[in-house]
Amino acid sequence: MLVVPPGNAAFADHLVRDLPQLLRAGDLLVFNDTRVIPARLFGVKATGGRVEIMVERLLTGDEARVQLGVSKPPQPGSRIRLDVGGEAEVLERACDGFWRLRFHVGEPLDTWLLHAGQMPLPPYIQREPEAEDAERYQTVFAREAGAVAAPTAGLHFDHALLDALRAQGVEFGHITLHVGAGTFQPVRVDDVNHHRMHSEWIDVGAELVDKVRRVRSTGGRVIAVGTTVVRALESAMVDGQLRPFAGDTSIFIYPGYRICSVDALLTNFHLPESTLLMLVSAFAGKSRVFAAYGHAVRHRYRFFSYGDAMLLYPREDTA
C-alpha cells in the first residue's frame, strides 16, 4: 500500500495490514456493502449469432437492463435462446446503448441468476470465472446484492484486519452503491464536459449520516474505502451537508471538483483514461497522483482489481 500524504511530503511504502497504525482512534472507515451478482450470460439469436449478456440492473417483472455483446444488434420482439436454458425477449434499446430484456426462465430472475449466471470478472482478466470467484470477487462485508463489479478497494480487508482496526478504536460505516458495468468504460471525448456518466443506485442511510456527523464533531476523520464510497457520499451532499439519500446517481467527479465528504481515500490503482483516475486526481491533485503512479510503477506495485492499494490524502488547497 502506497501512502500519499498531502503537499510534497514523501511517499511511504506500507502494507495494508499497517492500517491500524496509520489511522487513529475515532476515525471512521466507510465501506461499500454491495454484493456482486452472477450477471454474465450467453446465448444465441434466431439467426445463429452468438450473444453475450451482461445484466446491468434488475428491473420489475423479470426484466433487466443489460449490455449486449453481439455482432449485429437484435430487433425488438426477437428472442435470445440462453445457453443455460430459457429465453430472453428483446424489448427495446435505450439511447444510452443499454437494452431492456424480459427473461422467460421459469423462476424469479434474481434467484435464477444465482445458479445460471457467471461472475462478471473485469474485462482485463483473461480467463473464465472459476467456482471460487463467487466469493473471492466479494468483500467480506458484502450483503446487498446488485453490483456487476466489486468495489475493489474493499477486497483488501479480511476479518483479522477489521478486528485489528476495531481494537485500535477505528469505527466502521457502510453505504451501498451497486457498481455498474459502466465503471470500466473509458472517457472517449476530448472535452470531459461532454462525457455521459453511467447511472448507479446508491443508499446513504440516516445511521451513517449520524455517525459521520458525530465523528467529525469529535475530531475524527472520514476515510472512504474506494471511489464508489466517494461518489455515494458526494451525491448525498446538500448545501455542504451530508443527508440521507437513496436513488440513482450519475455524478462525474474530475479535476476542478472539490470533494468535501471525506478526509482520506483508500483506493486501488486504476486504468488510464478512466473516470476513476479522474476522481482520485480531483481529490489529491493530478500531478500528485501521477507522481504516485510513477512511484508505483518503479516499485512494481500491482494495478487494477486484484492489485495493490494507495492511501490518499486531499490536496492542501482543498482542506
C-alpha atoms as a PDB file:
ATOM      1  CA  MET A   1       0.000   0.000   0.000  1.00  0.00           C
ATOM      2  CA  LEU A   2       1.389   3.364  -1.061  1.00  0.00           C
ATOM      3  CA  VAL A   3       0.684   6.224   1.356  1.00  0.00           C
ATOM      4  CA  VAL A   4       0.385   9.573  -0.437  1.00  0.00           C
ATOM      5  CA  PRO A   5       0.427  12.428   2.104  1.00  0.00           C
ATOM      6  CA  PRO A   6      -0.745  15.931   1.147  1.00  0.00           C
ATOM      7  CA  GLY A   7       1.640  18.564  -0.168  1.00  0.00           C
ATOM      8  CA  ASN A   8       5.145  17.467  -1.105  1.00  0.00           C
ATOM      9  CA  ALA A   9       5.710  15.028   1.749  1.00  0.00           C
ATOM     10  CA  ALA A  10       7.486  11.858   0.659  1.00  0.00           C
ATOM     11  CA  PHE A  11       5.539   8.807  -0.404  1.00  0.00           C
ATOM     12  CA  ALA A  12       5.718   5.883   2.005  1.00  0.00           C
ATOM     13  CA  ASP A  13       5.610   2.188   1.123  1.00  0.00           C
ATOM     14  CA  HIS A  14       3.470   0.189   3.530  1.00  0.00           C
ATOM     15  CA  LEU A  15       1.281  -2.896   3.690  1.00  0.00           C
ATOM     16  CA  VAL A  16      -2.492  -2.782   4.042  1.00  0.00           C
ATOM     17  CA  ARG A  17      -2.132  -4.571   7.363  1.00  0.00           C
ATOM     18  CA  ASP A  18      -0.347  -1.439   8.636  1.00  0.00           C
ATOM     19  CA  LEU A  19      -3.634   0.497   8.558  1.00  0.00           C
ATOM     20  CA  PRO A  20      -4.267   0.178  12.332  1.00  0.00           C
ATOM     21  CA  GLN A  21      -1.023   2.078  12.922  1.00  0.00           C
ATOM     22  CA  LEU A  22      -1.757   4.685  10.248  1.00  0.00           C
ATOM     23  CA  LEU A  23      -5.276   5.511  11.434  1.00  0.00           C
ATOM     24  CA  ARG A  24      -6.403   6.974  14.767  1.00  0.00           C
ATOM     25  CA  ALA A  25      -8.985   6.057  17.350  1.00  0.00           C
ATOM     26  CA  GLY A  26     -12.170   7.886  16.423  1.00  0.00           C
ATOM     27  CA  ASP A  27     -11.573   7.701  12.660  1.00  0.00           C
ATOM     28  CA  LEU A  28     -14.395   6.295  10.537  1.00  0.00           C
ATOM     29  CA  LEU A  29     -13.847   3.869   7.659  1.00  0.00           C
ATOM     30  CA  VAL A  30     -16.777   3.856   5.230  1.00  0.00           C
ATOM     31  CA  PHE A  31     -17.236   0.709   3.132  1.00  0.00           C
ATOM     32  CA  ASN A  32     -19.496  -0.152   0.199  1.00  0.00           C
ATOM     33  CA  ASP A  33     -21.535  -3.219   1.196  1.00  0.00           C
ATOM     34  CA  THR A  34     -22.807  -4.065  -2.288  1.00  0.00           C
ATOM     35  CA  ARG A  35     -22.641  -7.704  -3.362  1.00  0.00           C
ATOM     36  CA  VAL A  36     -21.736  -8.815  -6.895  1.00  0.00           C
ATOM     37  CA  ILE A  37     -24.340 -10.932  -8.662  1.00  0.00           C
ATOM     38  CA  PRO A  38     -23.544 -13.584 -11.321  1.00  0.00           C
ATOM     39  CA  ALA A  39     -24.520 -11.206 -14.092  1.00  0.00           C
ATOM     40  CA  ARG A  40     -22.919 -12.669 -17.255  1.00  0.00           C
ATOM     41  CA  LEU A  41     -24.945 -14.903 -19.582  1.00  0.00           C
ATOM     42  CA  PHE A  42     -24.517 -16.295 -23.084  1.00  0.00           C
ATOM     43  CA  GLY A  43     -26.986 -17.207 -25.771  1.00  0.00           C
ATOM     44  CA  VAL A  44     -27.785 -17.336 -29.456  1.00  0.00           C
ATOM     45  CA  LYS A  45     -30.140 -15.330 -31.678  1.00  0.00           C
ATOM     46  CA  ALA A  46     -32.638 -16.977 -34.004  1.00  0.00           C
ATOM     47  CA  THR A  47     -30.222 -16.158 -36.844  1.00  0.00           C
ATOM     48  CA  GLY A  48     -27.498 -18.191 -35.124  1.00  0.00           C
ATOM     49  CA  GLY A  49     -25.396 -15.251 -33.973  1.00  0.00           C
ATOM     50  CA  ARG A  50     -23.773 -15.551 -30.557  1.00  0.00           C
ATOM     51  CA  VAL A  51     -24.731 -13.068 -27.822  1.00  0.00           C
ATOM     52  CA  GLU A  52     -23.078 -12.144 -24.543  1.00  0.00           C
ATOM     53  CA  ILE A  53     -25.416 -10.584 -21.986  1.00  0.00           C
ATOM     54  CA  MET A  54     -24.209  -8.501 -19.055  1.00  0.00           C
ATOM     55  CA  VAL A  55     -27.031  -7.735 -16.644  1.00  0.00           C
ATOM     56  CA  GLU A  56     -26.584  -4.149 -15.509  1.00  0.00           C
ATOM     57  CA  ARG A  57     -29.642  -3.815 -13.292  1.00  0.00           C
ATOM     58  CA  LEU A  58     -32.626  -5.947 -12.318  1.00  0.00           C
ATOM     59  CA  LEU A  59     -35.956  -4.240 -13.051  1.00  0.00           C
ATOM     60  CA  THR A  60     -39.519  -5.351 -12.306  1.00  0.00           C
ATOM     61  CA  GLY A  61     -41.402  -8.253 -13.801  1.00  0.00           C
ATOM     62  CA  ASP A  62     -38.363 -10.381 -14.713  1.00  0.00           C
ATOM     63  CA  GLU A  63     -36.978  -7.547 -16.799  1.00  0.00           C
ATOM     64  CA  ALA A  64     -33.402  -6.326 -16.743  1.00  0.00           C
ATOM     65  CA  ARG A  65     -31.284  -3.522 -18.126  1.00  0.00           C
ATOM     66  CA  VAL A  66     -28.337  -5.136 -19.898  1.00  0.00           C
ATOM     67  CA  GLN A  67     -25.355  -4.657 -22.151  1.00  0.00           C
ATOM     68  CA  LEU A  68     -25.177  -6.900 -25.199  1.00  0.00           C
ATOM     69  CA  GLY A  69     -22.051  -8.169 -26.870  1.00  0.00           C
ATOM     70  CA  VAL A  70     -23.225  -9.038 -30.358  1.00  0.00           C
ATOM     71  CA  SER A  71     -22.013  -8.607 -33.956  1.00  0.00           C
ATOM     72  CA  LYS A  72     -25.388  -7.315 -35.211  1.00  0.00           C
ATOM     73  CA  PRO A  73     -27.985  -5.723 -32.900  1.00  0.00           C
ATOM     74  CA  PRO A  74     -31.131  -7.817 -32.398  1.00  0.00           C
ATOM     75  CA  GLN A  75     -34.546  -6.481 -33.314  1.00  0.00           C
ATOM     76  CA  PRO A  76     -37.124  -5.583 -30.623  1.00  0.00           C
ATOM     77  CA  GLY A  77     -39.504  -8.506 -30.258  1.00  0.00           C
ATOM     78  CA  SER A  78     -36.862 -11.095 -31.105  1.00  0.00           C
ATOM     79  CA  ARG A  79     -35.685 -13.711 -28.625  1.00  0.00           C
ATOM     80  CA  ILE A  80     -32.302 -14.935 -27.479  1.00  0.00           C
ATOM     81  CA  ARG A  81     -32.052 -18.610 -26.576  1.00  0.00           C
ATOM     82  CA  LEU A  82     -29.922 -18.861 -23.448  1.00  0.00           C
ATOM     83  CA  ASP A  83     -27.185 -21.483 -23.149  1.00  0.00           C
ATOM     84  CA  VAL A  84     -28.327 -22.364 -19.623  1.00  0.00           C
ATOM     85  CA  GLY A  85     -31.966 -22.749 -20.649  1.00  0.00           C
ATOM     86  CA  GLY A  86     -34.824 -20.333 -21.116  1.00  0.00           C
ATOM     87  CA  GLU A  87     -35.053 -17.278 -23.326  1.00  0.00           C
ATOM     88  CA  ALA A  88     -34.587 -13.527 -23.160  1.00  0.00           C
ATOM     89  CA  GLU A  89     -37.044 -11.358 -25.089  1.00  0.00           C
ATOM     90  CA  VAL A  90     -35.649  -8.147 -26.546  1.00  0.00           C
ATOM     91  CA  LEU A  91     -37.926  -5.254 -25.589  1.00  0.00           C
ATOM     92  CA  GLU A  92     -36.053  -2.106 -26.577  1.00  0.00           C
ATOM     93  CA  ARG A  93     -32.701  -0.395 -26.940  1.00  0.00           C
ATOM     94  CA  ALA A  94     -32.219   2.761 -24.890  1.00  0.00           C
ATOM     95  CA  CYS A  95     -30.483   5.859 -26.215  1.00  0.00           C
ATOM     96  CA  ASP A  96     -27.515   5.221 -23.891  1.00  0.00           C
ATOM     97  CA  GLY A  97     -26.713   1.915 -25.590  1.00  0.00           C
ATOM     98  CA  PHE A  98     -28.227  -0.360 -22.959  1.00  0.00           C
ATOM     99  CA  TRP A  99     -31.010  -2.835 -23.736  1.00  0.00           C
ATOM    100  CA  ARG A 100     -34.131  -3.896 -21.862  1.00  0.00           C
ATOM    101  CA  LEU A 101     -34.823  -7.632 -21.863  1.00  0.00           C
ATOM    102  CA  ARG A 102     -37.586  -9.773 -20.374  1.00  0.00           C
ATOM    103  CA  PHE A 103     -36.398 -13.171 -19.191  1.00  0.00           C
ATOM    104  CA  HIS A 104     -38.516 -16.312 -19.562  1.00  0.00           C
ATOM    105  CA  VAL A 105     -36.705 -18.712 -17.239  1.00  0.00           C
ATOM    106  CA  GLY A 106     -39.378 -20.313 -15.047  1.00  0.00           C
ATOM    107  CA  GLU A 107     -38.416 -18.635 -11.748  1.00  0.00           C
ATOM    108  CA  PRO A 108     -37.735 -15.144 -10.399  1.00  0.00           C
ATOM    109  CA  LEU A 109     -34.802 -13.612 -12.213  1.00  0.00           C
ATOM    110  CA  ASP A 110     -32.836 -12.686  -9.090  1.00  0.00           C
ATOM    111  CA  THR A 111     -32.824 -16.250  -7.759  1.00  0.00           C
ATOM    112  CA  TRP A 112     -32.326 -17.815 -11.204  1.00  0.00           C
ATOM    113  CA  LEU A 113     -29.169 -15.777 -11.816  1.00  0.00           C
ATOM    114  CA  LEU A 114     -27.563 -17.179  -8.672  1.00  0.00           C
ATOM    115  CA  HIS A 115     -27.217 -20.597 -10.296  1.00  0.00           C
ATOM    116  CA  ALA A 116     -27.415 -19.726 -14.008  1.00  0.00           C
ATOM    117  CA  GLY A 117     -25.157 -16.699 -14.368  1.00  0.00           C
ATOM    118  CA  GLN A 118     -21.377 -16.349 -14.366  1.00  0.00           C
ATOM    119  CA  MET A 119     -19.427 -13.954 -12.150  1.00  0.00           C
ATOM    120  CA  PRO A 120     -18.632 -10.835 -14.224  1.00  0.00           C
ATOM    121  CA  LEU A 121     -14.878 -10.611 -13.779  1.00  0.00           C
ATOM    122  CA  PRO A 122     -13.305  -7.402 -15.128  1.00  0.00           C
ATOM    123  CA  PRO A 123     -12.661  -7.482 -18.899  1.00  0.00           C
ATOM    124  CA  TYR A 124      -8.890  -7.298 -18.432  1.00  0.00           C
ATOM    125  CA  ILE A 125      -8.888 -10.627 -16.549  1.00  0.00           C
ATOM    126  CA  GLN A 126      -8.392 -13.002 -19.447  1.00  0.00           C
ATOM    127  CA  ARG A 127      -9.778 -16.261 -18.067  1.00  0.00           C
ATOM    128  CA  GLU A 128     -13.092 -17.918 -17.428  1.00  0.00           C
ATOM    129  CA  PRO A 129     -14.653 -17.472 -13.961  1.00  0.00           C
ATOM    130  CA  GLU A 130     -13.935 -20.266 -11.518  1.00  0.00           C
ATOM    131  CA  ALA A 131     -16.107 -21.558  -8.684  1.00  0.00           C
ATOM    132  CA  GLU A 132     -14.035 -19.770  -6.053  1.00  0.00           C
ATOM    133  CA  ASP A 133     -14.620 -16.412  -7.793  1.00  0.00           C
ATOM    134  CA  ALA A 134     -18.156 -16.440  -6.401  1.00  0.00           C
ATOM    135  CA  GLU A 135     -16.642 -15.478  -3.028  1.00  0.00           C
ATOM    136  CA  ARG A 136     -13.164 -14.267  -3.963  1.00  0.00           C
ATOM    137  CA  TYR A 137     -14.685 -11.433  -6.008  1.00  0.00           C
ATOM    138  CA  GLN A 138     -16.711 -10.252  -2.991  1.00  0.00           C
ATOM    139  CA  THR A 139     -15.750  -8.154   0.004  1.00  0.00           C
ATOM    140  CA  VAL A 140     -16.092  -9.725   3.450  1.00  0.00           C
ATOM    141  CA  PHE A 141     -18.852  -7.213   4.257  1.00  0.00           C
ATOM    142  CA  ALA A 142     -20.842  -7.683   1.014  1.00  0.00           C
ATOM    143  CA  ARG A 143     -24.544  -8.070   1.815  1.00  0.00           C
ATOM    144  CA  GLU A 144     -26.736  -6.028  -0.593  1.00  0.00           C
ATOM    145  CA  ALA A 145     -26.934  -7.900  -3.917  1.00  0.00           C
ATOM    146  CA  GLY A 146     -26.980  -5.828  -7.090  1.00  0.00           C
ATOM    147  CA  ALA A 147     -23.477  -4.992  -8.369  1.00  0.00           C
ATOM    148  CA  VAL A 148     -21.851  -6.299 -11.543  1.00  0.00           C
ATOM    149  CA  ALA A 149     -18.372  -5.335 -10.373  1.00  0.00           C
ATOM    150  CA  ALA A 150     -16.801  -5.472  -6.939  1.00  0.00           C
ATOM    151  CA  PRO A 151     -15.861  -2.315  -5.000  1.00  0.00           C
ATOM    152  CA  THR A 152     -12.272  -3.495  -5.245  1.00  0.00           C
ATOM    153  CA  ALA A 153     -10.685  -1.350  -2.532  1.00  0.00           C
ATOM    154  CA  GLY A 154     -12.732  -3.387  -0.064  1.00  0.00           C
ATOM    155  CA  LEU A 155     -11.098  -6.633  -1.233  1.00  0.00           C
ATOM    156  CA  HIS A 156      -8.013  -5.733   0.834  1.00  0.00           C
ATOM    157  CA  PHE A 157      -9.914  -6.253   4.094  1.00  0.00           C
ATOM    158  CA  ASP A 158     -10.315  -9.547   5.911  1.00  0.00           C
ATOM    159  CA  HIS A 159     -11.824 -10.247   9.320  1.00  0.00           C
ATOM    160  CA  ALA A 160      -8.440 -10.196  11.045  1.00  0.00           C
ATOM    161  CA  LEU A 161      -7.703  -6.689   9.741  1.00  0.00           C
ATOM    162  CA  LEU A 162     -11.173  -5.473  10.695  1.00  0.00           C
ATOM    163  CA  ASP A 163     -10.652  -6.841  14.213  1.00  0.00           C
ATOM    164  CA  ALA A 164      -7.281  -5.065  14.490  1.00  0.00           C
ATOM    165  CA  LEU A 165      -8.810  -1.776  13.332  1.00  0.00           C
ATOM    166  CA  ARG A 166     -11.699  -2.168  15.753  1.00  0.00           C
ATOM    167  CA  ALA A 167      -9.247  -2.792  18.606  1.00  0.00           C
ATOM    168  CA  GLN A 168      -7.441   0.429  17.618  1.00  0.00           C
ATOM    169  CA  GLY A 169     -10.686   2.355  18.081  1.00  0.00           C
ATOM    170  CA  VAL A 170     -11.453   2.851  14.387  1.00  0.00           C
ATOM    171  CA  GLU A 171     -15.174   2.902  13.608  1.00  0.00           C
ATOM    172  CA  PHE A 172     -16.971   1.438  10.596  1.00  0.00           C
ATOM    173  CA  GLY A 173     -19.869   2.599   8.463  1.00  0.00           C
ATOM    174  CA  HIS A 174     -21.470   1.424   5.218  1.00  0.00           C
ATOM    175  CA  ILE A 175     -23.100   2.823   2.124  1.00  0.00           C
ATOM    176  CA  THR A 176     -24.494   0.840  -0.786  1.00  0.00           C
ATOM    177  CA  LEU A 177     -23.598   1.632  -4.382  1.00  0.00           C
ATOM    178  CA  HIS A 178     -24.392  -1.070  -6.912  1.00  0.00           C
ATOM    179  CA  VAL A 179     -21.402  -0.834  -9.224  1.00  0.00           C
ATOM    180  CA  GLY A 180     -22.399  -0.995 -12.896  1.00  0.00           C
ATOM    181  CA  ALA A 181     -20.505  -2.279 -15.916  1.00  0.00           C
ATOM    182  CA  GLY A 182     -20.006   1.319 -16.998  1.00  0.00           C
ATOM    183  CA  THR A 183     -17.306   1.650 -14.353  1.00  0.00           C
ATOM    184  CA  PHE A 184     -14.888   0.056 -16.853  1.00  0.00           C
ATOM    185  CA  GLN A 185     -15.778   2.399 -19.715  1.00  0.00           C
ATOM    186  CA  PRO A 186     -13.017   4.880 -20.631  1.00  0.00           C
ATOM    187  CA  VAL A 187     -13.658   8.539 -21.359  1.00  0.00           C
ATOM    188  CA  ARG A 188     -13.729   8.768 -25.153  1.00  0.00           C
ATOM    189  CA  VAL A 189     -14.346  12.501 -25.614  1.00  0.00           C
ATOM    190  CA  ASP A 190     -11.758  15.271 -25.720  1.00  0.00           C
ATOM    191  CA  ASP A 191     -13.909  17.572 -23.576  1.00  0.00           C
ATOM    192  CA  VAL A 192     -14.840  15.848 -20.284  1.00  0.00           C
ATOM    193  CA  ASN A 193     -17.909  18.076 -20.045  1.00  0.00           C
ATOM    194  CA  HIS A 194     -19.376  16.001 -22.887  1.00  0.00           C
ATOM    195  CA  HIS A 195     -18.816  12.649 -21.164  1.00  0.00           C
ATOM    196  CA  ARG A 196     -22.061  10.989 -20.103  1.00  0.00           C
ATOM    197  CA  MET A 197     -21.620   9.179 -16.799  1.00  0.00           C
ATOM    198  CA  HIS A 198     -23.421   5.891 -16.235  1.00  0.00           C
ATOM    199  CA  SER A 199     -26.143   5.816 -13.595  1.00  0.00           C
ATOM    200  CA  GLU A 200     -25.861   3.671 -10.463  1.00  0.00           C
ATOM    201  CA  TRP A 201     -28.150   3.077  -7.489  1.00  0.00           C
ATOM    202  CA  ILE A 202     -26.977   4.251  -4.059  1.00  0.00           C
ATOM    203  CA  ASP A 203     -28.206   4.234  -0.486  1.00  0.00           C
ATOM    204  CA  VAL A 204     -26.685   6.547   2.107  1.00  0.00           C
ATOM    205  CA  GLY A 205     -28.642   5.813   5.259  1.00  0.00           C
ATOM    206  CA  ALA A 206     -29.521   8.015   8.217  1.00  0.00           C
ATOM    207  CA  GLU A 207     -27.429   5.865  10.562  1.00  0.00           C
ATOM    208  CA  LEU A 208     -24.285   6.545   8.558  1.00  0.00           C
ATOM    209  CA  VAL A 209     -25.095  10.260   8.288  1.00  0.00           C
ATOM    210  CA  ASP A 210     -25.418  10.485  12.082  1.00  0.00           C
ATOM    211  CA  LYS A 211     -22.166   8.576  12.526  1.00  0.00           C
ATOM    212  CA  VAL A 212     -20.287  10.892  10.133  1.00  0.00           C
ATOM    213  CA  ARG A 213     -21.552  13.962  11.976  1.00  0.00           C
ATOM    214  CA  ARG A 214     -20.563  12.546  15.359  1.00  0.00           C
ATOM    215  CA  VAL A 215     -17.095  11.504  14.172  1.00  0.00           C
ATOM    216  CA  ARG A 216     -16.447  14.897  12.626  1.00  0.00           C
ATOM    217  CA  SER A 217     -17.653  16.706  15.775  1.00  0.00           C
ATOM    218  CA  THR A 218     -15.082  14.857  17.894  1.00  0.00           C
ATOM    219  CA  GLY A 219     -12.168  15.474  15.519  1.00  0.00           C
ATOM    220  CA  GLY A 220     -12.219  12.105  13.787  1.00  0.00           C
ATOM    221  CA  ARG A 221     -11.580  11.629  10.099  1.00  0.00           C
ATOM    222  CA  VAL A 222     -13.846  10.062   7.480  1.00  0.00           C
ATOM    223  CA  ILE A 223     -11.903   7.653   5.259  1.00  0.00           C
ATOM    224  CA  ALA A 224     -13.579   6.297   2.139  1.00  0.00           C
ATOM    225  CA  VAL A 225     -12.733   2.735   1.160  1.00  0.00           C
ATOM    226  CA  GLY A 226     -12.983   3.057  -2.599  1.00  0.00           C
ATOM    227  CA  THR A 227     -14.106   5.582  -5.175  1.00  0.00           C
ATOM    228  CA  THR A 228     -17.672   4.226  -5.024  1.00  0.00           C
ATOM    229  CA  VAL A 229     -17.938   5.463  -1.438  1.00  0.00           C
ATOM    230  CA  VAL A 230     -16.785   8.928  -2.512  1.00  0.00           C
ATOM    231  CA  ARG A 231     -19.345   9.006  -5.323  1.00  0.00           C
ATOM    232  CA  ALA A 232     -22.129   7.945  -2.967  1.00  0.00           C
ATOM    233  CA  LEU A 233     -21.254  10.445  -0.240  1.00  0.00           C
ATOM    234  CA  GLU A 234     -20.778  13.326  -2.665  1.00  0.00           C
ATOM    235  CA  SER A 235     -24.140  12.510  -4.259  1.00  0.00           C
ATOM    236  CA  ALA A 236     -25.750  12.777  -0.820  1.00  0.00           C
ATOM    237  CA  MET A 237     -24.285  16.221  -0.049  1.00  0.00           C
ATOM    238  CA  VAL A 238     -26.832  19.050   0.104  1.00  0.00           C
ATOM    239  CA  ASP A 239     -25.604  22.603   0.732  1.00  0.00           C
ATOM    240  CA  GLY A 240     -22.353  21.257   2.119  1.00  0.00           C
ATOM    241  CA  GLN A 241     -24.059  18.807   4.493  1.00  0.00           C
ATOM    242  CA  LEU A 242     -24.380  15.034   4.204  1.00  0.00           C
ATOM    243  CA  ARG A 243     -28.037  13.950   4.061  1.00  0.00           C
ATOM    244  CA  PRO A 244     -29.715  10.526   3.840  1.00  0.00           C
ATOM    245  CA  PHE A 245     -30.365   9.635   0.218  1.00  0.00           C
ATOM    246  CA  ALA A 246     -31.483   6.591  -1.774  1.00  0.00           C
ATOM    247  CA  GLY A 247     -31.793   6.656  -5.541  1.00  0.00           C
ATOM    248  CA  ASP A 248     -29.791   6.923  -8.746  1.00  0.00           C
ATOM    249  CA  THR A 249     -26.623   8.937  -9.173  1.00  0.00           C
ATOM    250  CA  SER A 250     -24.677   9.797 -12.291  1.00  0.00           C
ATOM    251  CA  ILE A 251     -22.237  12.144 -10.574  1.00  0.00           C
ATOM    252  CA  PHE A 252     -18.999  12.691 -12.521  1.00  0.00           C
ATOM    253  CA  ILE A 253     -16.054  13.851 -10.403  1.00  0.00           C
ATOM    254  CA  TYR A 254     -12.994  15.142 -12.228  1.00  0.00           C
ATOM    255  CA  PRO A 255     -10.269  17.752 -11.583  1.00  0.00           C
ATOM    256  CA  GLY A 256     -11.841  21.068 -10.661  1.00  0.00           C
ATOM    257  CA  TYR A 257     -14.475  19.408  -8.485  1.00  0.00           C
ATOM    258  CA  ARG A 258     -13.940  19.845  -4.739  1.00  0.00           C
ATOM    259  CA  ILE A 259     -14.590  16.708  -2.702  1.00  0.00           C
ATOM    260  CA  CYS A 260     -15.864  17.661   0.757  1.00  0.00           C
ATOM    261  CA  SER A 261     -17.312  14.447   2.175  1.00  0.00           C
ATOM    262  CA  VAL A 262     -14.123  12.540   3.072  1.00  0.00           C
ATOM    263  CA  ASP A 263     -10.736  13.267   4.618  1.00  0.00           C
ATOM    264  CA  ALA A 264      -8.805  10.380   3.066  1.00  0.00           C
ATOM    265  CA  LEU A 265      -9.334   7.740   0.392  1.00  0.00           C
ATOM    266  CA  LEU A 266      -8.122   4.160   0.204  1.00  0.00           C
ATOM    267  CA  THR A 267      -8.240   3.045  -3.421  1.00  0.00           C
ATOM    268  CA  ASN A 268      -6.608   0.776  -5.971  1.00  0.00           C
ATOM    269  CA  PHE A 269      -4.538   1.864  -8.977  1.00  0.00           C
ATOM    270  CA  HIS A 270      -6.929   2.498 -11.854  1.00  0.00           C
ATOM    271  CA  LEU A 271      -6.956   2.209 -15.627  1.00  0.00           C
ATOM    272  CA  PRO A 272      -5.684   5.132 -17.739  1.00  0.00           C
ATOM    273  CA  GLU A 273      -8.395   7.410 -19.184  1.00  0.00           C
ATOM    274  CA  SER A 274     -10.923   6.138 -16.646  1.00  0.00           C
ATOM    275  CA  THR A 275     -13.384   8.195 -14.632  1.00  0.00           C
ATOM    276  CA  LEU A 276     -11.915   6.562 -11.503  1.00  0.00           C
ATOM    277  CA  LEU A 277      -8.482   8.013 -12.214  1.00  0.00           C
ATOM    278  CA  MET A 278     -10.115  11.409 -12.765  1.00  0.00           C
ATOM    279  CA  LEU A 279     -11.840  11.166  -9.376  1.00  0.00           C
ATOM    280  CA  VAL A 280      -8.639  10.446  -7.450  1.00  0.00           C
ATOM    281  CA  SER A 281      -6.932  13.267  -9.362  1.00  0.00           C
ATOM    282  CA  ALA A 282      -9.695  15.630  -8.255  1.00  0.00           C
ATOM    283  CA  PHE A 283      -9.131  14.536  -4.670  1.00  0.00           C
ATOM    284  CA  ALA A 284      -5.339  14.569  -4.386  1.00  0.00           C
ATOM    285  CA  GLY A 285      -4.308  16.662  -7.386  1.00  0.00           C
ATOM    286  CA  LYS A 286      -3.427  15.418 -10.854  1.00  0.00           C
ATOM    287  CA  SER A 287       0.319  15.974 -10.624  1.00  0.00           C
ATOM    288  CA  ARG A 288       0.447  14.347  -7.190  1.00  0.00           C
ATOM    289  CA  VAL A 289      -1.490  11.292  -8.369  1.00  0.00           C
ATOM    290  CA  PHE A 290       0.618  10.907 -11.498  1.00  0.00           C
ATOM    291  CA  ALA A 291       3.775  11.116  -9.397  1.00  0.00           C
ATOM    292  CA  ALA A 292       2.355   8.407  -7.138  1.00  0.00           C
ATOM    293  CA  TYR A 293       1.661   6.216 -10.175  1.00  0.00           C
ATOM    294  CA  GLY A 294       5.234   6.726 -11.339  1.00  0.00           C
ATOM    295  CA  HIS A 295       6.485   5.632  -7.914  1.00  0.00           C
ATOM    296  CA  ALA A 296       4.187   2.603  -8.046  1.00  0.00           C
ATOM    297  CA  VAL A 297       5.481   1.544 -11.462  1.00  0.00           C
ATOM    298  CA  ARG A 298       9.119   1.878 -10.378  1.00  0.00           C
ATOM    299  CA  HIS A 299       8.470  -0.147  -7.236  1.00  0.00           C
ATOM    300  CA  ARG A 300       6.482  -2.821  -9.081  1.00  0.00           C
ATOM    301  CA  TYR A 301       3.109  -2.276  -7.439  1.00  0.00           C
ATOM    302  CA  ARG A 302       0.288  -4.311  -8.929  1.00  0.00           C
ATOM    303  CA  PHE A 303      -2.554  -2.462 -10.627  1.00  0.00           C
ATOM    304  CA  PHE A 304      -6.334  -2.895 -11.099  1.00  0.00           C
ATOM    305  CA  SER A 305      -8.943  -5.062  -9.351  1.00  0.00           C
ATOM    306  CA  TYR A 306      -6.742  -7.612  -7.578  1.00  0.00           C
ATOM    307  CA  GLY A 307      -3.800  -5.242  -7.287  1.00  0.00           C
ATOM    308  CA  ASP A 308      -2.316  -3.076  -4.565  1.00  0.00           C
ATOM    309  CA  ALA A 309      -3.734  -0.012  -2.840  1.00  0.00           C
ATOM    310  CA  MET A 310      -2.863   3.564  -2.038  1.00  0.00           C
ATOM    311  CA  LEU A 311      -3.986   5.719   0.860  1.00  0.00           C
ATOM    312  CA  LEU A 312      -4.559   9.220  -0.475  1.00  0.00           C
ATOM    313  CA  TYR A 313      -4.937  12.492   1.381  1.00  0.00           C
ATOM    314  CA  PRO A 314      -6.509  15.590  -0.194  1.00  0.00           C
ATOM    315  CA  ARG A 315      -4.552  18.285  -1.952  1.00  0.00           C
ATOM    316  CA  GLU A 316      -3.735  21.025   0.529  1.00  0.00           C
ATOM    317  CA  ASP A 317      -5.716  23.757  -1.216  1.00  0.00           C
ATOM    318  CA  THR A 318      -8.979  21.781  -0.660  1.00  0.00           C
ATOM    319  CA  ALA A 319      -8.515  21.271   3.055  1.00  0.00           C
END
